[in-house]
Amino acid sequence: QVQLVESGGGLVQTGGSLRLSCAASGRTFSSYAMGWFRQAPGKEREFASSITGSGTSKFYADSVKGRFTISRDNVKNTVYLQMNSLKSADTAVYYCAARPEYRNDWIYWGQGIQVTVSS
């Protein structure tokens, strides 16, 4: 069982930056791929970014590529999402997710954290 707790959300102006953090419980953090998803009002949850257990490979949705950077610290059991050049379209609830690397489905989810970008 993995518990995920997000932090770092809030209100920011267009063009600003935020860094989300997701702290994970458990002693096998490095064996989990970690991801960030987001859900805007009235829309379905969508993939934003993910990172492999070792941190070697990173993946991004086209909508955030070049602006967001995912990273992880396997000593602190934490994954980060650095968000730069924020747009109003980035306003959403952001969710941290985890899956064992041998699985394709994301099975552990955080409670979500609000990010609001104001113009």
C-alpha atoms as a PDB file:
ATOM      1  CA  GLN A   1       0.000   0.000   0.000  1.00  0.00           C
ATOM      2  CA  VAL A   2       1.287   3.439  -0.947  1.00  0.00           C
ATOM      3  CA  GLN A   3      -0.099   6.683   0.407  1.00  0.00           C
ATOM      4  CA  LEU A   4       0.461   9.877  -1.553  1.00  0.00           C
ATOM      5  CA  VAL A   5       0.160  13.421  -0.233  1.00  0.00           C
ATOM      6  CA  GLU A   6       0.417  16.412  -2.566  1.00  0.00           C
ATOM      7  CA  SER A   7       1.478  19.909  -1.556  1.00  0.00           C
ATOM      8  CA  GLY A   8       2.521  23.174  -3.164  1.00  0.00           C
ATOM      9  CA  GLY A   9      -0.608  24.160  -5.017  1.00  0.00           C
ATOM     10  CA  GLY A  10      -2.255  27.541  -4.876  1.00  0.00           C
ATOM     11  CA  LEU A  11      -3.028  30.697  -6.805  1.00  0.00           C
ATOM     12  CA  VAL A  12      -0.539  32.144  -9.272  1.00  0.00           C
ATOM     13  CA  GLN A  13      -0.684  34.732 -12.031  1.00  0.00           C
ATOM     14  CA  THR A  14      -0.334  33.913 -15.707  1.00  0.00           C
ATOM     15  CA  GLY A  15       3.310  33.392 -16.555  1.00  0.00           C
ATOM     16  CA  GLY A  16       4.206  32.474 -13.003  1.00  0.00           C
ATOM     17  CA  SER A  17       5.617  29.278 -11.538  1.00  0.00           C
ATOM     18  CA  LEU A  18       4.685  26.702  -8.935  1.00  0.00           C
ATOM     19  CA  ARG A  19       6.309  23.519  -7.724  1.00  0.00           C
ATOM     20  CA  LEU A  20       4.129  20.636  -6.669  1.00  0.00           C
ATOM     21  CA  SER A  21       5.436  17.951  -4.351  1.00  0.00           C
ATOM     22  CA  CYS A  22       4.089  14.490  -3.679  1.00  0.00           C
ATOM     23  CA  ALA A  23       5.347  12.606  -0.654  1.00  0.00           C
ATOM     24  CA  ALA A  24       4.937   8.836  -0.729  1.00  0.00           C
ATOM     25  CA  SER A  25       4.865   6.341   2.092  1.00  0.00           C
ATOM     26  CA  GLY A  26       6.571   2.980   1.898  1.00  0.00           C
ATOM     27  CA  ARG A  27      10.079   1.615   1.579  1.00  0.00           C
ATOM     28  CA  THR A  28      10.067   0.662  -2.096  1.00  0.00           C
ATOM     29  CA  PHE A  29       9.502   4.072  -3.649  1.00  0.00           C
ATOM     30  CA  SER A  30      12.120   3.561  -6.333  1.00  0.00           C
ATOM     31  CA  SER A  31      10.213   0.551  -7.679  1.00  0.00           C
ATOM     32  CA  TYR A  32       7.235   2.734  -8.572  1.00  0.00           C
ATOM     33  CA  ALA A  33       6.695   4.872 -11.605  1.00  0.00           C
ATOM     34  CA  MET A  34       5.189   8.179 -10.547  1.00  0.00           C
ATOM     35  CA  GLY A  35       2.846  10.418 -12.452  1.00  0.00           C
ATOM     36  CA  TRP A  36       0.996  13.690 -12.359  1.00  0.00           C
ATOM     37  CA  PHE A  37      -2.504  14.013 -13.724  1.00  0.00           C
ATOM     38  CA  ARG A  38      -4.880  16.944 -13.728  1.00  0.00           C
ATOM     39  CA  GLN A  39      -8.593  17.577 -13.980  1.00  0.00           C
ATOM     40  CA  ALA A  40      -9.983  20.924 -15.016  1.00  0.00           C
ATOM     41  CA  PRO A  41     -13.567  21.917 -14.174  1.00  0.00           C
ATOM     42  CA  GLY A  42     -16.028  20.078 -16.393  1.00  0.00           C
ATOM     43  CA  LYS A  43     -13.310  17.979 -18.019  1.00  0.00           C
ATOM     44  CA  GLU A  44     -11.973  14.476 -17.615  1.00  0.00           C
ATOM     45  CA  ARG A  45      -8.775  13.745 -15.766  1.00  0.00           C
ATOM     46  CA  GLU A  46      -5.797  13.884 -18.108  1.00  0.00           C
ATOM     47  CA  PHE A  47      -2.188  12.806 -18.030  1.00  0.00           C
ATOM     48  CA  ALA A  48       0.397  15.546 -17.488  1.00  0.00           C
ATOM     49  CA  SER A  49       3.703  13.844 -16.806  1.00  0.00           C
ATOM     50  CA  SER A  50       5.357  10.693 -15.494  1.00  0.00           C
ATOM     51  CA  ILE A  51       8.760   9.429 -14.466  1.00  0.00           C
ATOM     52  CA  THR A  52      10.235   5.960 -14.142  1.00  0.00           C
ATOM     53  CA  GLY A  53      11.393   4.556 -10.824  1.00  0.00           C
ATOM     54  CA  SER A  54      15.033   5.346 -11.443  1.00  0.00           C
ATOM     55  CA  GLY A  55      14.193   8.780 -12.811  1.00  0.00           C
ATOM     56  CA  THR A  56      15.909   7.940 -16.079  1.00  0.00           C
ATOM     57  CA  SER A  57      12.891   8.396 -18.325  1.00  0.00           C
ATOM     58  CA  LYS A  58      10.352  11.199 -18.221  1.00  0.00           C
ATOM     59  CA  PHE A  59       7.201  11.701 -20.227  1.00  0.00           C
ATOM     60  CA  TYR A  60       5.054  14.754 -20.850  1.00  0.00           C
ATOM     61  CA  ALA A  61       1.750  15.609 -22.408  1.00  0.00           C
ATOM     62  CA  ASP A  62       2.123  17.916 -25.400  1.00  0.00           C
ATOM     63  CA  SER A  63       0.206  20.608 -23.539  1.00  0.00           C
ATOM     64  CA  VAL A  64       2.896  20.910 -20.830  1.00  0.00           C
ATOM     65  CA  LYS A  65       6.041  19.923 -22.705  1.00  0.00           C
ATOM     66  CA  GLY A  66       8.732  22.569 -22.418  1.00  0.00           C
ATOM     67  CA  ARG A  67       7.026  24.245 -19.462  1.00  0.00           C
ATOM     68  CA  PHE A  68       6.729  21.505 -16.831  1.00  0.00           C
ATOM     69  CA  THR A  69       9.545  19.379 -15.429  1.00  0.00           C
ATOM     70  CA  ILE A  70       9.065  16.218 -13.411  1.00  0.00           C
ATOM     71  CA  SER A  71      11.720  14.931 -11.032  1.00  0.00           C
ATOM     72  CA  ARG A  72      12.030  12.634  -8.062  1.00  0.00           C
ATOM     73  CA  ASP A  73      14.142  12.144  -4.969  1.00  0.00           C
ATOM     74  CA  ASN A  74      14.228   8.459  -4.046  1.00  0.00           C
ATOM     75  CA  VAL A  75      15.843   9.217  -0.692  1.00  0.00           C
ATOM     76  CA  LYS A  76      13.051  11.580   0.320  1.00  0.00           C
ATOM     77  CA  ASN A  77      10.343   9.438  -1.333  1.00  0.00           C
ATOM     78  CA  THR A  78       9.089  12.507  -3.134  1.00  0.00           C
ATOM     79  CA  VAL A  79       8.204  13.404  -6.693  1.00  0.00           C
ATOM     80  CA  TYR A  80       8.040  16.972  -7.930  1.00  0.00           C
ATOM     81  CA  LEU A  81       6.394  18.855 -10.746  1.00  0.00           C
ATOM     82  CA  GLN A  82       7.981  22.191 -11.556  1.00  0.00           C
ATOM     83  CA  MET A  83       5.480  24.250 -13.517  1.00  0.00           C
ATOM     84  CA  ASN A  84       6.688  27.350 -15.354  1.00  0.00           C
ATOM     85  CA  SER A  85       5.047  29.787 -17.751  1.00  0.00           C
ATOM     86  CA  LEU A  86       1.677  28.891 -16.347  1.00  0.00           C
ATOM     87  CA  LYS A  87      -1.443  29.593 -18.360  1.00  0.00           C
ATOM     88  CA  SER A  88      -5.090  29.843 -17.389  1.00  0.00           C
ATOM     89  CA  ALA A  89      -5.579  26.490 -19.166  1.00  0.00           C
ATOM     90  CA  ASP A  90      -3.365  24.903 -16.498  1.00  0.00           C
ATOM     91  CA  THR A  91      -5.983  25.632 -13.848  1.00  0.00           C
ATOM     92  CA  ALA A  92      -7.018  22.241 -12.472  1.00  0.00           C
ATOM     93  CA  VAL A  93      -6.868  19.869  -9.578  1.00  0.00           C
ATOM     94  CA  TYR A  94      -3.534  18.064  -9.828  1.00  0.00           C
ATOM     95  CA  TYR A  95      -3.219  14.468  -8.720  1.00  0.00           C
ATOM     96  CA  CYS A  96      -0.143  12.447  -7.923  1.00  0.00           C
ATOM     97  CA  ALA A  97      -0.269   8.776  -8.898  1.00  0.00           C
ATOM     98  CA  ALA A  98       1.911   5.707  -8.496  1.00  0.00           C
ATOM     99  CA  ARG A  99       2.134   2.299 -10.116  1.00  0.00           C
ATOM    100  CA  PRO A 100       4.558  -0.577  -9.830  1.00  0.00           C
ATOM    101  CA  GLU A 101       6.750  -0.432 -12.903  1.00  0.00           C
ATOM    102  CA  TYR A 102       5.567  -3.845 -14.115  1.00  0.00           C
ATOM    103  CA  ARG A 103       1.971  -2.569 -14.355  1.00  0.00           C
ATOM    104  CA  ASN A 104       0.395  -0.190 -16.847  1.00  0.00           C
ATOM    105  CA  ASP A 105      -2.442   1.022 -14.643  1.00  0.00           C
ATOM    106  CA  TRP A 106      -2.077   3.729 -12.022  1.00  0.00           C
ATOM    107  CA  ILE A 107      -3.301   2.168  -8.814  1.00  0.00           C
ATOM    108  CA  TYR A 108      -2.439   4.654  -6.083  1.00  0.00           C
ATOM    109  CA  TRP A 109      -3.696   8.216  -6.077  1.00  0.00           C
ATOM    110  CA  GLY A 110      -3.287  11.278  -3.923  1.00  0.00           C
ATOM    111  CA  GLN A 111      -6.209  13.389  -2.796  1.00  0.00           C
ATOM    112  CA  GLY A 112      -5.475  16.128  -5.310  1.00  0.00           C
ATOM    113  CA  ILE A 113      -4.416  19.730  -4.938  1.00  0.00           C
ATOM    114  CA  GLN A 114      -5.819  22.852  -6.550  1.00  0.00           C
ATOM    115  CA  VAL A 115      -3.760  24.993  -8.909  1.00  0.00           C
ATOM    116  CA  THR A 116      -5.400  28.197 -10.091  1.00  0.00           C
ATOM    117  CA  VAL A 117      -3.805  30.451 -12.687  1.00  0.00           C
ATOM    118  CA  SER A 118      -5.329  33.905 -12.875  1.00  0.00           C
ATOM    119  CA  SER A 119      -4.945  36.386 -15.698  1.00  0.00           C
END
